[in-house]
Amino acid sequence: MKISGFSFGRNVSKLYYPIKESILSILPICDEFVFVLGKGDEDDKTLEILSTIDSPKLKIIHTEWDTAAYPNGTENAHQTDIAMQHCSGDWLFYVQADEVVHEKYLPIIKARCEKLQDKNEVEGLLFNYKHFFGDYNHYVDHHGWYQNEIRIVRNHPDIHSFESAQSFRRIPQFDGKSYRESKGTFKLNVAKVDAYIFHYGWVRPPKFMQNKKKALDSIHKGNKKAEELHKGVADEFDYGPLKKLPIFKESHPEVMNKKIQDFDWQDKLNYTNNNFPNRAKFKHERLKYRMLSFIERTLNGGRHFFPFKNWNLIKV
C-alpha cells in the first residue's frame, strides 16, 4: 500500500499559511508528497520555505493560475486536480495549506488505510475537524462550522476536487473545468477515520488575516469585485471577543511548536466579553446560531443538525 500526500498554493508564505508544518505533519506516513506551487508575487517566499524540507519525498510542480478560465474559486479545484494527477499512491492524502495533523493520529490513519485497502466500495476517508480562531488557545465549534470533511481519497481517474477544493466527487467523463456543476457527479462513499484535522486558517496576525480574505475574494469574485468589497475596510481583521469561545486544553501537533512560540499578536486581540460592533457579526456570534449550538451541545451530543454532507457515509 502506498500513500501520496498532496496540496497546492500560491503566495502561501506572504499570507501566513503554515505550509511547512502542514506537509511535515503527514510526511511520516506518506511515500511521497506532491505540492503544486502557483507562480506568486515577487515578494513571496513559498519556494524558499518548501526548499527547507529535507526529504526526497517532496515533489514540487510549478504552475500558473488562470482565474479567468477557472472563475468562482474553481482554480483551487483545478490546482488540486493537477496535484492528484501527479500522485502515484493507492490512497491520496489531501491537506490544505492551513491544515495540520497531530502526530498521535498518524498510526490510526495508516492502519485505517491498510484495513480498507481491498474494500473497493470505500472511496475515501472522512475526518473530524477542529477550527482554531484568533490564537492557538481558542476554537470554534458552533453551528455553521463544518465538523467533517473528506481528506483521503482513492487514486481513481474519476475522483476529482469539487467546487472550490473544499471536497471531492466522482465525476465520470469530466470536462476539466466544470467544478461547480453537480449534475452528473456522484458523492463519494466514505468511511470514518478516528482522527482530526487541525484547521489554522483563522489563526493569523490581523493584518495577514485581512490580506488573506482579500486574496480569497479575488479568487472567488474577481479582482475588481475584491477591490470594491475591501474599499474602506480596516487594515486589520477584527476577530471579536475571544473570551466567548471555548478554550483548547489539549496539545497541538509538535510541528506547530515553533509557529506557536512565534505568536506575537495577542495585544491586537480582544480577550474580553465586549463586542466592538465595527463589523458584521460572525455566524457564531449571531443569536440564531448561538441558540442552535446550545441545543446541539445539550441534546445532540455536539453533533450539528442538518449539516452539509458532500458524501455517503458507510459503516465498515
Protein backbone atom coordinates (compact mmCIF):
# COMPACT_ATOMS: atom_id res chain seq x y z
CA MET A 1 0.00 0.00 0.00
CA LYS A 2 1.27 3.44 -0.93
CA ILE A 3 0.06 6.83 0.37
CA SER A 4 0.63 10.07 -1.54
CA GLY A 5 0.23 13.39 0.23
CA PHE A 6 -0.76 16.37 -1.88
CA SER A 7 -1.63 20.06 -1.70
CA PHE A 8 -1.38 23.33 -3.63
CA GLY A 9 -0.91 27.02 -3.04
CA ARG A 10 0.15 30.43 -4.28
CA ASN A 11 1.55 33.33 -2.23
CA VAL A 12 1.41 30.96 0.70
CA SER A 13 4.22 32.47 2.76
CA LYS A 14 3.08 36.10 2.47
CA LEU A 15 -0.39 35.11 3.69
CA TYR A 16 0.96 33.33 6.80
CA TYR A 17 -0.07 29.78 5.92
CA PRO A 18 1.66 27.07 7.99
CA ILE A 19 2.60 25.23 4.81
CA LYS A 20 5.82 23.63 6.07
CA GLU A 21 4.09 22.42 9.21
CA SER A 22 1.18 21.10 7.15
CA ILE A 23 3.40 18.99 4.90
CA LEU A 24 5.65 17.75 7.70
CA SER A 25 2.65 16.70 9.77
CA ILE A 26 1.68 13.86 7.42
CA LEU A 27 5.01 13.19 5.70
CA PRO A 28 5.95 10.27 8.02
CA ILE A 29 3.12 8.09 6.65
CA CYS A 30 3.41 9.28 3.04
CA ASP A 31 5.59 7.66 0.41
CA GLU A 32 5.60 10.94 -1.50
CA PHE A 33 4.17 14.44 -1.17
CA VAL A 34 3.18 16.43 -4.25
CA PHE A 35 2.88 20.21 -3.86
CA VAL A 36 1.62 22.27 -6.78
CA LEU A 37 3.07 25.76 -6.44
CA GLY A 38 1.40 28.53 -8.40
CA LYS A 39 3.54 31.44 -9.59
CA GLY A 40 3.16 34.08 -6.91
CA ASP A 41 4.14 37.67 -6.29
CA GLU A 42 7.80 38.67 -6.39
CA ASP A 43 7.97 39.01 -2.61
CA ASP A 44 6.51 35.55 -1.92
CA LYS A 45 8.96 33.14 -0.27
CA THR A 46 6.97 29.90 -0.51
CA LEU A 47 9.54 28.09 -2.66
CA GLU A 48 12.27 29.01 -0.18
CA ILE A 49 10.20 27.58 2.67
CA LEU A 50 9.46 24.39 0.76
CA SER A 51 13.16 24.03 -0.02
CA THR A 52 13.92 23.76 3.70
CA ILE A 53 12.00 20.46 3.85
CA ASP A 54 14.86 17.98 3.64
CA SER A 55 13.08 14.98 2.19
CA PRO A 56 13.26 13.18 -1.15
CA LYS A 57 9.53 12.53 -0.76
CA LEU A 58 8.64 16.14 -1.62
CA LYS A 59 7.88 16.84 -5.28
CA ILE A 60 7.16 20.43 -6.36
CA ILE A 61 5.16 21.09 -9.53
CA HIS A 62 5.20 24.68 -10.83
CA THR A 63 2.06 26.16 -12.42
CA GLU A 64 0.50 29.49 -13.37
CA TRP A 65 -3.05 30.27 -12.32
CA ASP A 66 -5.77 31.39 -14.72
CA THR A 67 -8.74 32.63 -12.70
CA ALA A 68 -10.43 33.86 -15.89
CA ALA A 69 -10.59 30.32 -17.23
CA TYR A 70 -11.36 28.95 -13.77
CA PRO A 71 -13.58 31.56 -12.04
CA ASN A 72 -15.57 31.47 -8.79
CA GLY A 73 -12.86 29.69 -6.85
CA THR A 74 -12.59 26.76 -9.26
CA GLU A 75 -8.89 27.44 -9.85
CA ASN A 76 -8.41 25.98 -6.37
CA ALA A 77 -10.05 22.75 -7.52
CA HIS A 78 -8.11 22.80 -10.78
CA GLN A 79 -4.79 23.11 -8.95
CA THR A 80 -5.84 20.33 -6.57
CA ASP A 81 -6.59 18.08 -9.53
CA ILE A 82 -3.16 18.81 -11.01
CA ALA A 83 -1.58 17.66 -7.75
CA MET A 84 -3.70 14.49 -7.74
CA GLN A 85 -2.66 13.68 -11.30
CA HIS A 86 0.99 13.66 -10.22
CA CYS A 87 0.34 11.25 -7.33
CA SER A 88 1.22 7.57 -7.64
CA GLY A 89 -0.19 6.22 -4.37
CA ASP A 90 -3.15 3.92 -3.75
CA TRP A 91 -4.55 6.47 -1.28
CA LEU A 92 -4.23 10.24 -1.74
CA PHE A 93 -3.99 12.27 1.48
CA TYR A 94 -5.03 15.91 0.99
CA VAL A 95 -4.08 18.66 3.42
CA GLN A 96 -4.78 22.26 2.55
CA ALA A 97 -2.04 24.75 3.35
CA ASP A 98 -3.64 25.72 6.68
CA GLU A 99 -4.44 22.16 7.82
CA VAL A 100 -2.20 20.14 10.14
CA VAL A 101 -2.49 16.61 11.54
CA HIS A 102 -1.41 15.72 15.09
CA GLU A 103 1.24 13.02 15.18
CA LYS A 104 -0.89 10.90 17.53
CA TYR A 105 -3.32 10.27 14.67
CA LEU A 106 -0.79 9.06 12.10
CA PRO A 107 -0.76 5.36 13.16
CA ILE A 108 -4.57 5.40 13.27
CA ILE A 109 -4.82 6.87 9.77
CA LYS A 110 -2.30 4.48 8.27
CA ALA A 111 -3.95 1.46 9.90
CA ARG A 112 -7.34 2.57 8.58
CA CYS A 113 -5.97 2.83 5.04
CA GLU A 114 -4.43 -0.63 5.32
CA LYS A 115 -7.63 -2.16 6.65
CA LEU A 116 -9.75 -0.66 3.87
CA GLN A 117 -7.27 -1.13 1.04
CA ASP A 118 -9.14 -4.07 -0.51
CA LYS A 119 -12.63 -2.78 0.27
CA ASN A 120 -13.24 -1.08 -3.06
CA GLU A 121 -16.66 0.19 -2.01
CA VAL A 122 -14.82 2.72 0.19
CA GLU A 123 -13.75 5.65 -1.99
CA GLY A 124 -12.47 7.95 0.73
CA LEU A 125 -11.98 8.65 4.42
CA LEU A 126 -13.88 11.23 6.46
CA PHE A 127 -12.04 13.24 9.12
CA ASN A 128 -13.18 15.29 12.11
CA TYR A 129 -12.25 18.98 12.29
CA LYS A 130 -11.04 21.43 14.92
CA HIS A 131 -11.19 25.08 13.82
CA PHE A 132 -8.85 27.38 15.75
CA PHE A 133 -9.73 31.06 15.83
CA GLY A 134 -7.73 34.19 16.59
CA ASP A 135 -4.99 32.45 18.52
CA TYR A 136 -3.88 28.90 19.31
CA ASN A 137 -5.92 28.65 22.52
CA HIS A 138 -9.43 29.23 21.18
CA TYR A 139 -11.54 27.31 18.71
CA VAL A 140 -15.00 27.48 17.15
CA ASP A 141 -17.38 24.52 17.33
CA HIS A 142 -20.60 26.42 16.64
CA HIS A 143 -23.35 25.55 14.22
CA GLY A 144 -22.34 26.53 10.70
CA TRP A 145 -18.69 25.49 11.03
CA TYR A 146 -18.13 22.17 9.26
CA GLN A 147 -17.35 19.26 11.57
CA ASN A 148 -16.20 16.76 8.95
CA GLU A 149 -14.64 16.61 5.51
CA ILE A 150 -13.08 14.11 3.11
CA ARG A 151 -9.31 14.30 3.18
CA ILE A 152 -8.21 10.89 1.84
CA VAL A 153 -9.46 9.52 -1.47
CA ARG A 154 -8.56 6.60 -3.68
CA ASN A 155 -6.34 7.24 -6.66
CA HIS A 156 -9.02 6.89 -9.32
CA PRO A 157 -9.29 8.95 -12.53
CA ASP A 158 -12.98 9.68 -11.92
CA ILE A 159 -12.38 11.24 -8.48
CA HIS A 160 -11.90 15.00 -8.70
CA SER A 161 -11.72 18.04 -6.49
CA PHE A 162 -15.12 19.74 -6.24
CA GLU A 163 -16.31 23.35 -6.21
CA SER A 164 -13.56 25.46 -4.57
CA ALA A 165 -11.47 22.46 -3.47
CA GLN A 166 -13.46 22.02 -0.27
CA SER A 167 -14.22 18.38 -1.03
CA PHE A 168 -14.27 15.66 -3.70
CA ARG A 169 -16.72 13.90 -6.01
CA ARG A 170 -16.72 11.14 -8.57
CA ILE A 171 -17.16 12.80 -11.97
CA PRO A 172 -17.14 10.38 -14.92
CA GLN A 173 -16.16 11.96 -18.25
CA PHE A 174 -15.19 15.20 -16.53
CA ASP A 175 -14.59 18.11 -18.90
CA GLY A 176 -11.78 19.51 -16.76
CA LYS A 177 -13.48 22.82 -15.99
CA SER A 178 -17.00 22.45 -14.58
CA TYR A 179 -16.00 22.08 -10.94
CA ARG A 180 -19.20 23.71 -9.69
CA GLU A 181 -21.55 21.60 -11.82
CA SER A 182 -23.24 18.96 -9.64
CA LYS A 183 -25.22 17.32 -12.46
CA GLY A 184 -23.61 14.05 -13.49
CA THR A 185 -21.47 13.91 -10.35
CA PHE A 186 -21.64 11.38 -7.52
CA LYS A 187 -20.93 11.78 -3.83
CA LEU A 188 -18.13 9.52 -2.64
CA ASN A 189 -18.81 6.54 -0.42
CA VAL A 190 -16.60 7.19 2.59
CA ALA A 191 -15.71 5.58 5.90
CA LYS A 192 -14.86 7.45 9.07
CA VAL A 193 -11.36 7.60 10.49
CA ASP A 194 -10.95 8.47 14.16
CA ALA A 195 -8.68 11.45 13.58
CA TYR A 196 -8.86 15.24 13.49
CA ILE A 197 -7.65 17.82 11.03
CA PHE A 198 -6.43 20.88 12.94
CA HIS A 199 -7.51 23.88 10.87
CA TYR A 200 -5.44 27.02 11.48
CA GLY A 201 -6.94 29.08 8.68
CA TRP A 202 -8.30 31.65 11.14
CA VAL A 203 -5.09 31.98 13.16
CA ARG A 204 -3.02 34.79 11.68
CA PRO A 205 -1.90 38.27 12.68
CA PRO A 206 -4.91 40.53 11.98
CA LYS A 207 -3.27 42.25 9.00
CA PHE A 208 -2.41 38.91 7.38
CA MET A 209 -5.96 37.70 8.01
CA GLN A 210 -7.38 40.71 6.22
CA ASN A 211 -4.97 40.16 3.32
CA LYS A 212 -5.98 36.51 3.11
CA LYS A 213 -9.67 37.43 2.96
CA LYS A 214 -8.99 39.82 0.10
CA ALA A 215 -6.93 37.18 -1.73
CA LEU A 216 -9.75 34.65 -1.40
CA ASP A 217 -12.30 37.20 -2.59
CA SER A 218 -10.11 37.83 -5.65
CA ILE A 219 -10.05 34.10 -6.45
CA HIS A 220 -13.79 33.67 -5.92
CA LYS A 221 -15.20 37.00 -7.12
CA GLY A 222 -12.53 38.55 -9.31
CA ASN A 223 -10.01 41.32 -8.63
CA LYS A 224 -12.41 44.18 -9.39
CA LYS A 225 -15.09 42.91 -7.00
CA ALA A 226 -12.50 42.20 -4.32
CA GLU A 227 -11.24 45.78 -4.55
CA GLU A 228 -14.81 47.06 -4.16
CA LEU A 229 -15.52 44.81 -1.18
CA HIS A 230 -12.36 45.84 0.64
CA LYS A 231 -12.52 49.55 -0.12
CA GLY A 232 -12.57 51.39 3.19
CA VAL A 233 -12.19 48.17 5.19
CA ALA A 234 -9.84 48.30 8.18
CA ASP A 235 -6.30 47.11 7.54
CA GLU A 236 -6.55 44.64 10.40
CA PHE A 237 -9.12 41.90 10.83
CA ASP A 238 -11.34 42.01 13.93
CA TYR A 239 -11.69 38.54 15.49
CA GLY A 240 -14.23 39.75 18.02
CA PRO A 241 -14.38 38.79 21.72
CA LEU A 242 -12.41 35.55 22.06
CA LYS A 243 -13.50 35.08 25.67
CA LYS A 244 -16.84 33.82 24.37
CA LEU A 245 -15.16 30.90 22.58
CA PRO A 246 -14.17 27.54 24.09
CA ILE A 247 -10.56 27.09 25.20
CA PHE A 248 -8.42 24.33 23.71
CA LYS A 249 -6.89 22.29 26.55
CA GLU A 250 -5.14 19.54 24.61
CA SER A 251 -1.81 19.54 22.77
CA HIS A 252 -1.08 20.90 19.32
CA PRO A 253 0.92 18.93 16.74
CA GLU A 254 4.64 19.00 17.53
CA VAL A 255 5.38 20.52 14.13
CA MET A 256 3.44 23.61 15.23
CA ASN A 257 5.66 24.34 18.25
CA LYS A 258 7.79 26.99 16.52
CA LYS A 259 4.75 28.65 14.97
CA ILE A 260 3.06 28.83 18.36
CA GLN A 261 6.22 30.20 20.00
CA ASP A 262 6.25 32.97 17.38
CA PHE A 263 2.70 34.06 18.30
CA ASP A 264 3.03 37.82 18.90
CA TRP A 265 -0.29 39.48 18.11
CA GLN A 266 -2.08 38.97 21.43
CA ASP A 267 -2.15 42.73 22.03
CA LYS A 268 -4.32 43.07 18.90
CA LEU A 269 -6.94 40.57 20.12
CA ASN A 270 -9.99 41.13 22.28
CA TYR A 271 -9.93 38.83 25.32
CA THR A 272 -12.98 40.38 26.96
CA ASN A 273 -16.68 39.64 26.60
CA ASN A 274 -17.21 43.03 25.00
CA ASN A 275 -18.02 43.14 21.31
CA PHE A 276 -16.99 46.25 19.40
CA PRO A 277 -19.59 46.48 16.60
CA ASN A 278 -17.46 47.93 13.82
CA ARG A 279 -18.07 44.91 11.58
CA ALA A 280 -20.75 42.39 10.66
CA LYS A 281 -21.23 39.61 13.19
CA PHE A 282 -19.72 36.20 12.53
CA LYS A 283 -22.11 33.28 12.30
CA HIS A 284 -21.03 32.02 15.71
CA GLU A 285 -21.94 35.41 17.21
CA ARG A 286 -25.49 35.58 15.87
CA LEU A 287 -28.33 34.71 18.22
CA LYS A 288 -29.82 32.10 15.89
CA TYR A 289 -26.57 30.14 15.63
CA ARG A 290 -25.78 30.51 19.32
CA MET A 291 -29.17 29.02 20.18
CA LEU A 292 -28.74 26.19 17.68
CA SER A 293 -25.26 25.47 19.05
CA PHE A 294 -26.57 25.34 22.63
CA ILE A 295 -29.31 22.89 21.66
CA GLU A 296 -26.86 20.72 19.70
CA ARG A 297 -24.46 20.54 22.64
CA THR A 298 -27.12 19.78 25.23
CA LEU A 299 -29.45 17.49 23.29
CA ASN A 300 -27.46 16.10 20.37
CA GLY A 301 -24.04 15.34 21.79
CA GLY A 302 -22.50 18.30 19.96
CA ARG A 303 -23.47 16.95 16.54
CA HIS A 304 -24.87 19.60 14.23
CA PHE A 305 -28.42 19.43 12.94
CA PHE A 306 -28.74 19.25 9.13
CA PRO A 307 -25.02 19.65 8.37
CA PHE A 308 -23.66 19.97 4.85
CA LYS A 309 -22.73 16.43 3.77
CA ASN A 310 -20.95 16.01 0.47
CA TRP A 311 -20.57 12.25 0.93
CA ASN A 312 -22.32 8.95 1.58
CA LEU A 313 -21.15 7.55 4.91
CA ILE A 314 -20.84 3.77 5.03
CA LYS A 315 -20.08 1.68 8.10
CA VAL A 316 -17.13 -0.60 7.65
